[in-house]
């Protein structure tokens, strides 16, 4: 017996992991630091067969999707 293994995540990693575990299959967003990771990770995790990712020009565009 040892100590349990703990995984450390960034906030962006936790957002993506939590959304995917909750069943998210759609993401609309735009590339802006520091949240660019979220968009690129959703592209890798969802497209093409598991869901839809839309890259917009800004936050207003993302809301409108």
Protein backbone atom coordinates (compact mmCIF):
# COMPACT_ATOMS: atom_id res chain seq x y z
CA UNK A 1 0.00 0.00 0.00
CA UNK A 2 1.24 3.38 -0.82
CA UNK A 3 -0.12 6.78 -1.32
CA UNK A 4 -2.86 7.14 -3.92
CA UNK A 5 -1.73 8.53 -7.23
CA UNK A 6 -3.00 12.03 -7.80
CA UNK A 7 -3.30 13.69 -11.14
CA UNK A 8 -2.85 17.41 -11.40
CA UNK A 9 -4.81 19.24 -14.08
CA UNK A 10 -4.88 22.80 -15.27
CA UNK A 11 -8.23 24.58 -15.16
CA UNK A 12 -8.56 24.23 -18.94
CA UNK A 13 -7.87 20.50 -18.77
CA UNK A 14 -10.48 20.11 -16.04
CA UNK A 15 -13.08 22.03 -18.10
CA UNK A 16 -12.60 19.77 -21.12
CA UNK A 17 -12.48 16.54 -19.12
CA UNK A 18 -15.57 17.44 -17.08
CA UNK A 19 -17.55 18.46 -20.16
CA UNK A 20 -16.68 15.25 -22.00
CA UNK A 21 -17.48 13.08 -18.98
CA UNK A 22 -20.84 14.88 -18.70
CA UNK A 23 -21.64 13.94 -22.31
CA UNK A 24 -20.82 17.17 -24.14
CA UNK A 25 -20.79 16.60 -27.89
CA UNK A 26 -20.88 20.22 -29.13
CA UNK A 27 -18.50 23.13 -28.60
CA UNK A 28 -18.48 26.62 -30.12
CA UNK A 29 -15.54 28.82 -29.25
CA UNK A 30 -12.73 30.93 -30.53
CA UNK A 31 -8.96 30.81 -30.13
CA UNK A 32 -7.82 33.29 -27.50
CA UNK A 33 -5.12 32.89 -24.90
CA UNK A 34 -5.37 31.31 -22.36
CA UNK A 35 -8.44 29.34 -23.48
CA UNK A 36 -7.09 28.20 -26.87
CA UNK A 37 -6.31 24.82 -25.28
CA UNK A 38 -10.03 24.18 -24.73
CA UNK A 39 -10.87 24.70 -28.40
CA UNK A 40 -7.98 22.62 -29.72
CA UNK A 41 -8.64 19.79 -27.25
CA UNK A 42 -12.33 19.65 -28.20
CA UNK A 43 -11.31 19.52 -31.87
CA UNK A 44 -9.12 16.49 -31.14
CA UNK A 45 -11.63 14.77 -28.85
CA UNK A 46 -14.90 15.35 -30.70
CA UNK A 47 -14.29 15.59 -34.40
CA UNK A 48 -15.30 14.06 -36.68
CA UNK A 49 -17.33 11.15 -35.31
CA UNK A 50 -18.04 12.05 -31.66
CA UNK A 51 -19.49 15.54 -32.01
CA UNK A 52 -19.29 18.99 -33.50
CA UNK A 53 -16.81 21.81 -32.91
CA UNK A 54 -17.31 25.25 -34.42
CA UNK A 55 -14.58 27.91 -34.37
CA UNK A 56 -16.01 31.40 -34.31
CA UNK A 57 -14.45 34.86 -34.64
CA UNK A 58 -15.33 36.07 -31.14
CA UNK A 59 -17.47 35.43 -28.08
CA UNK A 60 -20.59 36.91 -29.66
CA UNK A 61 -20.24 34.49 -32.56
CA UNK A 62 -19.80 31.58 -30.15
CA UNK A 63 -22.92 32.54 -28.21
CA UNK A 64 -24.92 32.75 -31.45
CA UNK A 65 -24.05 29.20 -32.41
